[in-house]
Amino acid sequence: MTESDHPSSAQMASPTYRLASLDSDFILQHSMRGVRLMLEFAKCDEALRAWGVRSTIVVFGSARVGENGSDAHRRWYGEARRFGEIASKEGGAYLSETQERHNVICTGGGPGIMEAANRGAADAGAPSIGLNITLPHEQFPNSYSTPELTFRFHYFAVRKLHLAMRANALVVFPGGFGTLDELFEILTLRQTDKSPPIPIVLFDESYWRSIINFDALVAEGMVAASDLELFSFAETADEVWQCLLDRGLKPYRQPDWDPNPHDP
C-alpha cells in the first residue's frame, strides 16, 4: 500500500506531519530566525574544526580592486597576494602532527583584495578560508579559497562573528564601506577589551589618512590618544608580516608540517 492509498494519507500529506528538520517552510518562518542564526554559526564552526583551524589572519579590502586596474589597485592587489603567501608559509597554516592549523588566511570570500589574499595562500599550497555573503547583487566566491572552507552566509552578524572569533590578526587594505565596517568592528572590540589583544595593520598609510582623520578624532575628544596605538601602518607585504610579529603574532612554524596540507 502506498502512502496515497493509506487511510491516513490526508494526515501524512499535511505540512505539520513533515519532520521539522526537513521542513524548509517551517525553518524559513520569521519565528525560526534564531534557529537559522544558530545553523549558520554551527555549519561553519564544524567545518573549521574538522580542518583543524585554530586561528586565522583576517585580510579585508575592496572587492573592486583588481590586478589589471590602476597603478594603485595593481599594487594593492599584488601586495595582498604576496602577504597571503608569506603568512601561509610562515604562520602555521599547514596541518601539523597535532592536527592543528594556525594563522590561516581568512577573507570575506569575494573578489578584489579578498581574492588576492586567498590566491597568495594558494600560491603557497596552503588552505585559506572564504566567508562569502548573499547580497542583492550576487557576489560569487573567488576561485582561490579552499572549496571545503568556502562558506556562504545570509546574516552579516554571523559572518562577522566567524571573522572575529579566531582572528590572531587583522590586515586591512584600502576599501570602502564594507572594509570600514570590519575595521571599526575589530577596533571597537579592542578598544572596549571585548576581544583579546591582536595586531591590526592598515596597508598604505596615505590612503587611510586621506579618508579618516584619526588625529581629529583625538582632538575632538572622541577617542583617546592611546586608542591610535591599537593599529599601525605598513607599505609592503613584508612590512605587514614583520609588523604582525613585532606586535606579538606567534608564527607557529613547526618542523612537522604535513607535506600534503590539503588533507583535512
C-alpha atoms as a PDB file:
ATOM      1  CA  MET A   1       0.000   0.000   0.000  1.00  0.00           C
ATOM      2  CA  THR A   2       1.345   3.390  -0.979  1.00  0.00           C
ATOM      3  CA  GLU A   3       1.040   6.485   1.172  1.00  0.00           C
ATOM      4  CA  SER A   4      -1.582   7.887  -1.192  1.00  0.00           C
ATOM      5  CA  ASP A   5      -3.733   4.753  -0.697  1.00  0.00           C
ATOM      6  CA  HIS A   6      -3.292   4.671   3.054  1.00  0.00           C
ATOM      7  CA  PRO A   7      -6.325   5.587   5.183  1.00  0.00           C
ATOM      8  CA  SER A   8      -4.175   8.284   6.839  1.00  0.00           C
ATOM      9  CA  SER A   9      -2.988   9.798   3.550  1.00  0.00           C
ATOM     10  CA  ALA A  10      -4.531  13.207   4.323  1.00  0.00           C
ATOM     11  CA  GLN A  11      -2.717  13.353   7.653  1.00  0.00           C
ATOM     12  CA  MET A  12       0.597  12.315   6.133  1.00  0.00           C
ATOM     13  CA  ALA A  13       0.225  14.911   3.372  1.00  0.00           C
ATOM     14  CA  SER A  14      -0.219  17.735   5.860  1.00  0.00           C
ATOM     15  CA  PRO A  15       2.783  20.111   6.263  1.00  0.00           C
ATOM     16  CA  THR A  16       2.535  19.572  10.022  1.00  0.00           C
ATOM     17  CA  TYR A  17       3.479  15.900   9.500  1.00  0.00           C
ATOM     18  CA  ARG A  18       6.850  16.735   7.954  1.00  0.00           C
ATOM     19  CA  LEU A  19       9.920  16.229  10.078  1.00  0.00           C
ATOM     20  CA  ALA A  20      10.806  19.659  11.410  1.00  0.00           C
ATOM     21  CA  SER A  21      14.442  19.348  10.304  1.00  0.00           C
ATOM     22  CA  LEU A  22      13.326  18.669   6.717  1.00  0.00           C
ATOM     23  CA  ASP A  23      10.558  21.264   6.569  1.00  0.00           C
ATOM     24  CA  SER A  24      12.021  24.293   4.785  1.00  0.00           C
ATOM     25  CA  ASP A  25       8.742  26.200   5.027  1.00  0.00           C
ATOM     26  CA  PHE A  26       8.902  25.867   8.795  1.00  0.00           C
ATOM     27  CA  ILE A  27      12.622  26.668   9.115  1.00  0.00           C
ATOM     28  CA  LEU A  28      12.240  29.802   6.976  1.00  0.00           C
ATOM     29  CA  GLN A  29       9.461  31.237   9.138  1.00  0.00           C
ATOM     30  CA  HIS A  30      10.130  34.530  10.906  1.00  0.00           C
ATOM     31  CA  SER A  31       9.874  32.842  14.298  1.00  0.00           C
ATOM     32  CA  MET A  32      12.740  30.474  13.395  1.00  0.00           C
ATOM     33  CA  ARG A  33      15.289  33.236  12.765  1.00  0.00           C
ATOM     34  CA  GLY A  34      17.172  32.290  15.925  1.00  0.00           C
ATOM     35  CA  VAL A  35      17.457  28.710  14.703  1.00  0.00           C
ATOM     36  CA  ARG A  36      18.763  29.877  11.320  1.00  0.00           C
ATOM     37  CA  LEU A  37      21.351  32.051  13.056  1.00  0.00           C
ATOM     38  CA  MET A  38      22.466  29.040  15.068  1.00  0.00           C
ATOM     39  CA  LEU A  39      22.654  26.833  11.970  1.00  0.00           C
ATOM     40  CA  GLU A  40      24.767  29.388  10.108  1.00  0.00           C
ATOM     41  CA  PHE A  41      27.152  29.552  13.029  1.00  0.00           C
ATOM     42  CA  ALA A  42      27.331  25.792  13.583  1.00  0.00           C
ATOM     43  CA  LYS A  43      27.850  24.767   9.950  1.00  0.00           C
ATOM     44  CA  CYS A  44      30.941  26.936   9.552  1.00  0.00           C
ATOM     45  CA  ASP A  45      32.222  26.124  13.029  1.00  0.00           C
ATOM     46  CA  GLU A  46      32.020  22.373  12.475  1.00  0.00           C
ATOM     47  CA  ALA A  47      33.827  22.554   9.124  1.00  0.00           C
ATOM     48  CA  LEU A  48      36.665  24.682  10.514  1.00  0.00           C
ATOM     49  CA  ARG A  49      37.061  22.315  13.452  1.00  0.00           C
ATOM     50  CA  ALA A  50      37.224  19.339  11.082  1.00  0.00           C
ATOM     51  CA  TRP A  51      40.082  21.025   9.226  1.00  0.00           C
ATOM     52  CA  GLY A  52      41.933  21.780  12.446  1.00  0.00           C
ATOM     53  CA  VAL A  53      41.681  25.563  12.072  1.00  0.00           C
ATOM     54  CA  ARG A  54      42.586  27.012  15.446  1.00  0.00           C
ATOM     55  CA  SER A  55      43.286  30.609  14.459  1.00  0.00           C
ATOM     56  CA  THR A  56      43.214  32.924  11.454  1.00  0.00           C
ATOM     57  CA  ILE A  57      44.668  36.076  10.000  1.00  0.00           C
ATOM     58  CA  VAL A  58      41.795  38.101   8.598  1.00  0.00           C
ATOM     59  CA  VAL A  59      42.515  40.084   5.432  1.00  0.00           C
ATOM     60  CA  PHE A  60      39.986  42.629   4.248  1.00  0.00           C
ATOM     61  CA  GLY A  61      39.882  45.202   1.474  1.00  0.00           C
ATOM     62  CA  SER A  62      37.949  46.382  -1.525  1.00  0.00           C
ATOM     63  CA  ALA A  63      36.167  43.925  -3.804  1.00  0.00           C
ATOM     64  CA  ARG A  64      36.641  46.495  -6.598  1.00  0.00           C
ATOM     65  CA  VAL A  65      40.422  46.254  -6.749  1.00  0.00           C
ATOM     66  CA  GLY A  66      41.965  44.103  -9.464  1.00  0.00           C
ATOM     67  CA  GLU A  67      45.377  43.202 -10.825  1.00  0.00           C
ATOM     68  CA  ASN A  68      44.509  44.945 -14.105  1.00  0.00           C
ATOM     69  CA  GLY A  69      43.284  48.228 -12.625  1.00  0.00           C
ATOM     70  CA  SER A  70      45.076  51.470 -11.854  1.00  0.00           C
ATOM     71  CA  ASP A  71      48.667  51.531 -10.646  1.00  0.00           C
ATOM     72  CA  ALA A  72      47.463  51.817  -7.043  1.00  0.00           C
ATOM     73  CA  HIS A  73      44.998  48.967  -7.478  1.00  0.00           C
ATOM     74  CA  ARG A  74      47.615  46.709  -9.024  1.00  0.00           C
ATOM     75  CA  ARG A  75      49.987  47.437  -6.163  1.00  0.00           C
ATOM     76  CA  TRP A  76      47.356  46.749  -3.511  1.00  0.00           C
ATOM     77  CA  TYR A  77      46.312  43.517  -5.214  1.00  0.00           C
ATOM     78  CA  GLY A  78      49.886  42.349  -5.680  1.00  0.00           C
ATOM     79  CA  GLU A  79      50.902  43.074  -2.091  1.00  0.00           C
ATOM     80  CA  ALA A  80      47.762  41.400  -0.718  1.00  0.00           C
ATOM     81  CA  ARG A  81      48.590  38.317  -2.770  1.00  0.00           C
ATOM     82  CA  ARG A  82      52.198  38.405  -1.584  1.00  0.00           C
ATOM     83  CA  PHE A  83      51.077  38.770   2.034  1.00  0.00           C
ATOM     84  CA  GLY A  84      48.746  35.780   1.722  1.00  0.00           C
ATOM     85  CA  GLU A  85      51.690  33.715   0.538  1.00  0.00           C
ATOM     86  CA  ILE A  86      54.089  34.918   3.264  1.00  0.00           C
ATOM     87  CA  ALA A  87      51.596  34.451   6.095  1.00  0.00           C
ATOM     88  CA  SER A  88      50.609  30.988   4.857  1.00  0.00           C
ATOM     89  CA  LYS A  89      54.212  29.811   4.581  1.00  0.00           C
ATOM     90  CA  GLU A  90      55.391  31.297   7.858  1.00  0.00           C
ATOM     91  CA  GLY A  91      52.302  31.352  10.049  1.00  0.00           C
ATOM     92  CA  GLY A  92      51.380  27.696  10.566  1.00  0.00           C
ATOM     93  CA  ALA A  93      48.547  27.123   8.080  1.00  0.00           C
ATOM     94  CA  TYR A  94      49.806  23.687   7.087  1.00  0.00           C
ATOM     95  CA  LEU A  95      48.459  20.744   9.036  1.00  0.00           C
ATOM     96  CA  SER A  96      50.848  19.675  11.810  1.00  0.00           C
ATOM     97  CA  GLU A  97      51.214  16.337  13.558  1.00  0.00           C
ATOM     98  CA  THR A  98      48.988  17.744  16.276  1.00  0.00           C
ATOM     99  CA  GLN A  99      46.253  18.166  13.627  1.00  0.00           C
ATOM    100  CA  GLU A 100      46.161  21.939  14.061  1.00  0.00           C
ATOM    101  CA  ARG A 101      46.398  24.895  11.710  1.00  0.00           C
ATOM    102  CA  HIS A 102      47.221  28.394  12.924  1.00  0.00           C
ATOM    103  CA  ASN A 103      47.037  31.839  11.310  1.00  0.00           C
ATOM    104  CA  VAL A 104      45.097  30.559   8.312  1.00  0.00           C
ATOM    105  CA  ILE A 105      44.266  33.322   5.834  1.00  0.00           C
ATOM    106  CA  CYS A 106      40.586  34.225   6.161  1.00  0.00           C
ATOM    107  CA  THR A 107      38.806  36.697   3.897  1.00  0.00           C
ATOM    108  CA  GLY A 108      35.302  37.773   3.026  1.00  0.00           C
ATOM    109  CA  GLY A 109      35.484  35.314   0.131  1.00  0.00           C
ATOM    110  CA  GLY A 110      34.786  37.769  -2.665  1.00  0.00           C
ATOM    111  CA  PRO A 111      36.850  39.333  -5.445  1.00  0.00           C
ATOM    112  CA  GLY A 112      39.474  42.079  -5.272  1.00  0.00           C
ATOM    113  CA  ILE A 113      41.734  42.182  -2.236  1.00  0.00           C
ATOM    114  CA  MET A 114      39.976  39.167  -0.769  1.00  0.00           C
ATOM    115  CA  GLU A 115      40.727  37.157  -3.897  1.00  0.00           C
ATOM    116  CA  ALA A 116      44.341  38.308  -3.810  1.00  0.00           C
ATOM    117  CA  ALA A 117      44.918  37.100  -0.235  1.00  0.00           C
ATOM    118  CA  ASN A 118      43.270  33.731  -0.917  1.00  0.00           C
ATOM    119  CA  ARG A 119      45.318  33.485  -4.100  1.00  0.00           C
ATOM    120  CA  GLY A 120      48.530  34.066  -2.178  1.00  0.00           C
ATOM    121  CA  ALA A 121      47.674  31.216   0.167  1.00  0.00           C
ATOM    122  CA  ALA A 122      47.017  29.006  -2.854  1.00  0.00           C
ATOM    123  CA  ASP A 123      50.412  30.029  -4.265  1.00  0.00           C
ATOM    124  CA  ALA A 124      51.927  28.621  -1.064  1.00  0.00           C
ATOM    125  CA  GLY A 125      49.932  25.398  -1.324  1.00  0.00           C
ATOM    126  CA  ALA A 126      48.132  26.246   1.891  1.00  0.00           C
ATOM    127  CA  PRO A 127      44.408  26.261   2.682  1.00  0.00           C
ATOM    128  CA  SER A 128      42.515  29.512   3.142  1.00  0.00           C
ATOM    129  CA  ILE A 129      39.019  30.478   4.198  1.00  0.00           C
ATOM    130  CA  GLY A 130      36.380  32.476   2.324  1.00  0.00           C
ATOM    131  CA  LEU A 131      33.327  33.748   4.218  1.00  0.00           C
ATOM    132  CA  ASN A 132      31.020  34.956   1.479  1.00  0.00           C
ATOM    133  CA  ILE A 133      27.715  36.759   1.949  1.00  0.00           C
ATOM    134  CA  THR A 134      24.489  36.653  -0.025  1.00  0.00           C
ATOM    135  CA  LEU A 135      23.916  40.118  -1.500  1.00  0.00           C
ATOM    136  CA  PRO A 136      21.120  41.645  -3.626  1.00  0.00           C
ATOM    137  CA  HIS A 137      23.629  41.823  -6.463  1.00  0.00           C
ATOM    138  CA  GLU A 138      25.121  38.347  -6.267  1.00  0.00           C
ATOM    139  CA  GLN A 139      28.757  38.182  -5.185  1.00  0.00           C
ATOM    140  CA  PHE A 140      30.334  34.928  -6.266  1.00  0.00           C
ATOM    141  CA  PRO A 141      33.156  33.377  -4.255  1.00  0.00           C
ATOM    142  CA  ASN A 142      36.606  33.807  -5.706  1.00  0.00           C
ATOM    143  CA  SER A 143      38.240  30.680  -7.130  1.00  0.00           C
ATOM    144  CA  TYR A 144      41.233  30.613  -4.758  1.00  0.00           C
ATOM    145  CA  SER A 145      39.740  29.912  -1.314  1.00  0.00           C
ATOM    146  CA  THR A 146      39.785  26.242  -0.364  1.00  0.00           C
ATOM    147  CA  PRO A 147      36.445  24.813  -1.582  1.00  0.00           C
ATOM    148  CA  GLU A 148      35.823  22.932   1.677  1.00  0.00           C
ATOM    149  CA  LEU A 149      36.495  26.158   3.589  1.00  0.00           C
ATOM    150  CA  THR A 150      34.317  28.397   1.427  1.00  0.00           C
ATOM    151  CA  PHE A 151      31.045  29.377   3.096  1.00  0.00           C
ATOM    152  CA  ARG A 152      28.003  31.480   2.275  1.00  0.00           C
ATOM    153  CA  PHE A 153      26.116  33.452   4.908  1.00  0.00           C
ATOM    154  CA  HIS A 154      22.779  35.202   4.932  1.00  0.00           C
ATOM    155  CA  TYR A 155      23.379  37.076   8.195  1.00  0.00           C
ATOM    156  CA  PHE A 156      26.172  39.630   8.372  1.00  0.00           C
ATOM    157  CA  ALA A 157      26.227  39.196  12.151  1.00  0.00           C
ATOM    158  CA  VAL A 158      27.160  35.507  11.990  1.00  0.00           C
ATOM    159  CA  ARG A 159      29.719  36.127   9.274  1.00  0.00           C
ATOM    160  CA  LYS A 160      31.346  38.888  11.333  1.00  0.00           C
ATOM    161  CA  LEU A 161      31.399  36.603  14.366  1.00  0.00           C
ATOM    162  CA  HIS A 162      33.368  33.991  12.417  1.00  0.00           C
ATOM    163  CA  LEU A 163      35.689  36.664  11.065  1.00  0.00           C
ATOM    164  CA  ALA A 164      36.463  37.889  14.577  1.00  0.00           C
ATOM    165  CA  MET A 165      36.364  34.890  16.892  1.00  0.00           C
ATOM    166  CA  ARG A 166      39.501  33.085  15.646  1.00  0.00           C
ATOM    167  CA  ALA A 167      41.447  36.130  14.473  1.00  0.00           C
ATOM    168  CA  ASN A 168      45.049  36.380  15.634  1.00  0.00           C
ATOM    169  CA  ALA A 169      45.481  39.484  13.479  1.00  0.00           C
ATOM    170  CA  LEU A 170      43.634  41.812  11.114  1.00  0.00           C
ATOM    171  CA  VAL A 171      45.221  43.234   7.972  1.00  0.00           C
ATOM    172  CA  VAL A 172      43.143  45.875   6.227  1.00  0.00           C
ATOM    173  CA  PHE A 173      43.872  47.001   2.691  1.00  0.00           C
ATOM    174  CA  PRO A 174      42.187  50.032   1.116  1.00  0.00           C
ATOM    175  CA  GLY A 175      38.455  49.608   0.734  1.00  0.00           C
ATOM    176  CA  GLY A 176      35.014  51.126   1.112  1.00  0.00           C
ATOM    177  CA  PHE A 177      32.010  50.754   3.407  1.00  0.00           C
ATOM    178  CA  GLY A 178      32.366  47.006   3.966  1.00  0.00           C
ATOM    179  CA  THR A 179      36.061  47.304   4.720  1.00  0.00           C
ATOM    180  CA  LEU A 180      35.460  50.204   7.095  1.00  0.00           C
ATOM    181  CA  ASP A 181      32.711  48.209   8.789  1.00  0.00           C
ATOM    182  CA  GLU A 182      35.046  45.314   9.521  1.00  0.00           C
ATOM    183  CA  LEU A 183      37.894  47.598  10.580  1.00  0.00           C
ATOM    184  CA  PHE A 184      35.808  49.544  13.080  1.00  0.00           C
ATOM    185  CA  GLU A 185      34.139  46.375  14.337  1.00  0.00           C
ATOM    186  CA  ILE A 186      37.518  44.975  15.387  1.00  0.00           C
ATOM    187  CA  LEU A 187      38.810  48.348  16.628  1.00  0.00           C
ATOM    188  CA  THR A 188      35.741  48.712  18.830  1.00  0.00           C
ATOM    189  CA  LEU A 189      36.167  45.207  20.240  1.00  0.00           C
ATOM    190  CA  ARG A 190      39.787  46.011  21.045  1.00  0.00           C
ATOM    191  CA  GLN A 191      39.067  49.484  22.447  1.00  0.00           C
ATOM    192  CA  THR A 192      36.489  48.016  24.824  1.00  0.00           C
ATOM    193  CA  ASP A 193      38.554  44.913  25.664  1.00  0.00           C
ATOM    194  CA  LYS A 194      35.795  42.671  24.364  1.00  0.00           C
ATOM    195  CA  SER A 195      38.379  40.712  22.389  1.00  0.00           C
ATOM    196  CA  PRO A 196      41.955  39.627  23.149  1.00  0.00           C
ATOM    197  CA  PRO A 197      44.801  41.907  22.035  1.00  0.00           C
ATOM    198  CA  ILE A 198      45.560  41.303  18.364  1.00  0.00           C
ATOM    199  CA  PRO A 199      47.746  43.267  15.953  1.00  0.00           C
ATOM    200  CA  ILE A 200      45.859  45.409  13.442  1.00  0.00           C
ATOM    201  CA  VAL A 201      47.727  46.702  10.391  1.00  0.00           C
ATOM    202  CA  LEU A 202      46.414  49.169   7.814  1.00  0.00           C
ATOM    203  CA  PHE A 203      48.066  48.916   4.423  1.00  0.00           C
ATOM    204  CA  ASP A 204      49.023  52.178   2.645  1.00  0.00           C
ATOM    205  CA  GLU A 205      49.081  54.935   5.265  1.00  0.00           C
ATOM    206  CA  SER A 206      48.450  57.715   2.749  1.00  0.00           C
ATOM    207  CA  TYR A 207      45.159  56.112   1.691  1.00  0.00           C
ATOM    208  CA  TRP A 208      43.889  55.673   5.228  1.00  0.00           C
ATOM    209  CA  ARG A 209      44.876  59.147   6.378  1.00  0.00           C
ATOM    210  CA  SER A 210      43.205  60.627   3.297  1.00  0.00           C
ATOM    211  CA  ILE A 211      39.807  59.120   4.181  1.00  0.00           C
ATOM    212  CA  ILE A 212      39.939  59.062   8.003  1.00  0.00           C
ATOM    213  CA  ASN A 213      41.220  61.944  10.099  1.00  0.00           C
ATOM    214  CA  PHE A 214      42.390  59.929  13.073  1.00  0.00           C
ATOM    215  CA  ASP A 215      44.033  62.939  14.715  1.00  0.00           C
ATOM    216  CA  ALA A 216      40.765  64.893  14.548  1.00  0.00           C
ATOM    217  CA  LEU A 217      39.028  62.125  16.495  1.00  0.00           C
ATOM    218  CA  VAL A 218      41.598  62.594  19.251  1.00  0.00           C
ATOM    219  CA  ALA A 219      41.478  66.399  19.083  1.00  0.00           C
ATOM    220  CA  GLU A 220      37.698  66.384  19.459  1.00  0.00           C
ATOM    221  CA  GLY A 221      37.881  64.004  22.402  1.00  0.00           C
ATOM    222  CA  MET A 222      36.054  61.223  20.581  1.00  0.00           C
ATOM    223  CA  VAL A 223      38.830  58.693  21.172  1.00  0.00           C
ATOM    224  CA  ALA A 224      41.860  58.659  23.436  1.00  0.00           C
ATOM    225  CA  ALA A 225      45.316  59.239  22.002  1.00  0.00           C
ATOM    226  CA  SER A 226      46.211  55.751  23.199  1.00  0.00           C
ATOM    227  CA  ASP A 227      43.450  54.301  21.008  1.00  0.00           C
ATOM    228  CA  LEU A 228      45.546  55.140  17.952  1.00  0.00           C
ATOM    229  CA  GLU A 229      48.104  52.666  19.251  1.00  0.00           C
ATOM    230  CA  LEU A 230      45.638  49.845  18.531  1.00  0.00           C
ATOM    231  CA  PHE A 231      46.792  49.799  14.909  1.00  0.00           C
ATOM    232  CA  SER A 232      49.820  50.537  12.783  1.00  0.00           C
ATOM    233  CA  PHE A 233      50.605  51.145   9.117  1.00  0.00           C
ATOM    234  CA  ALA A 234      52.675  49.251   6.550  1.00  0.00           C
ATOM    235  CA  GLU A 235      53.587  49.764   2.898  1.00  0.00           C
ATOM    236  CA  THR A 236      54.645  46.301   1.691  1.00  0.00           C
ATOM    237  CA  ALA A 237      53.641  42.712   2.354  1.00  0.00           C
ATOM    238  CA  ASP A 238      56.950  42.062   4.104  1.00  0.00           C
ATOM    239  CA  GLU A 239      56.405  45.106   6.326  1.00  0.00           C
ATOM    240  CA  VAL A 240      52.931  43.857   7.211  1.00  0.00           C
ATOM    241  CA  TRP A 241      54.279  40.467   8.268  1.00  0.00           C
ATOM    242  CA  GLN A 242      57.097  41.989  10.302  1.00  0.00           C
ATOM    243  CA  CYS A 243      54.669  44.388  11.939  1.00  0.00           C
ATOM    244  CA  LEU A 244      52.451  41.496  12.986  1.00  0.00           C
ATOM    245  CA  LEU A 245      55.431  39.709  14.505  1.00  0.00           C
ATOM    246  CA  ASP A 246      56.605  42.858  16.271  1.00  0.00           C
ATOM    247  CA  ARG A 247      53.148  43.322  17.744  1.00  0.00           C
ATOM    248  CA  GLY A 248      53.017  39.803  19.167  1.00  0.00           C
ATOM    249  CA  LEU A 249      51.806  37.400  16.484  1.00  0.00           C
ATOM    250  CA  LYS A 250      53.137  33.896  17.144  1.00  0.00           C
ATOM    251  CA  PRO A 251      54.036  32.240  13.823  1.00  0.00           C
ATOM    252  CA  TYR A 252      53.696  28.588  14.947  1.00  0.00           C
ATOM    253  CA  ARG A 253      56.313  27.490  12.460  1.00  0.00           C
ATOM    254  CA  GLN A 254      56.991  23.796  13.119  1.00  0.00           C
ATOM    255  CA  PRO A 255      59.223  21.154  11.501  1.00  0.00           C
ATOM    256  CA  ASP A 256      56.422  18.581  11.489  1.00  0.00           C
ATOM    257  CA  TRP A 257      54.316  20.123   8.707  1.00  0.00           C
ATOM    258  CA  ASP A 258      52.306  17.643   6.679  1.00  0.00           C
ATOM    259  CA  PRO A 259      53.684  17.546   3.103  1.00  0.00           C
ATOM    260  CA  ASN A 260      50.103  17.344   1.820  1.00  0.00           C
ATOM    261  CA  PRO A 261      48.425  20.341   3.508  1.00  0.00           C
ATOM    262  CA  HIS A 262      45.128  19.917   1.636  1.00  0.00           C
ATOM    263  CA  ASP A 263      44.130  16.823   3.582  1.00  0.00           C
ATOM    264  CA  PRO A 264      41.728  17.751   6.399  1.00  0.00           C
END
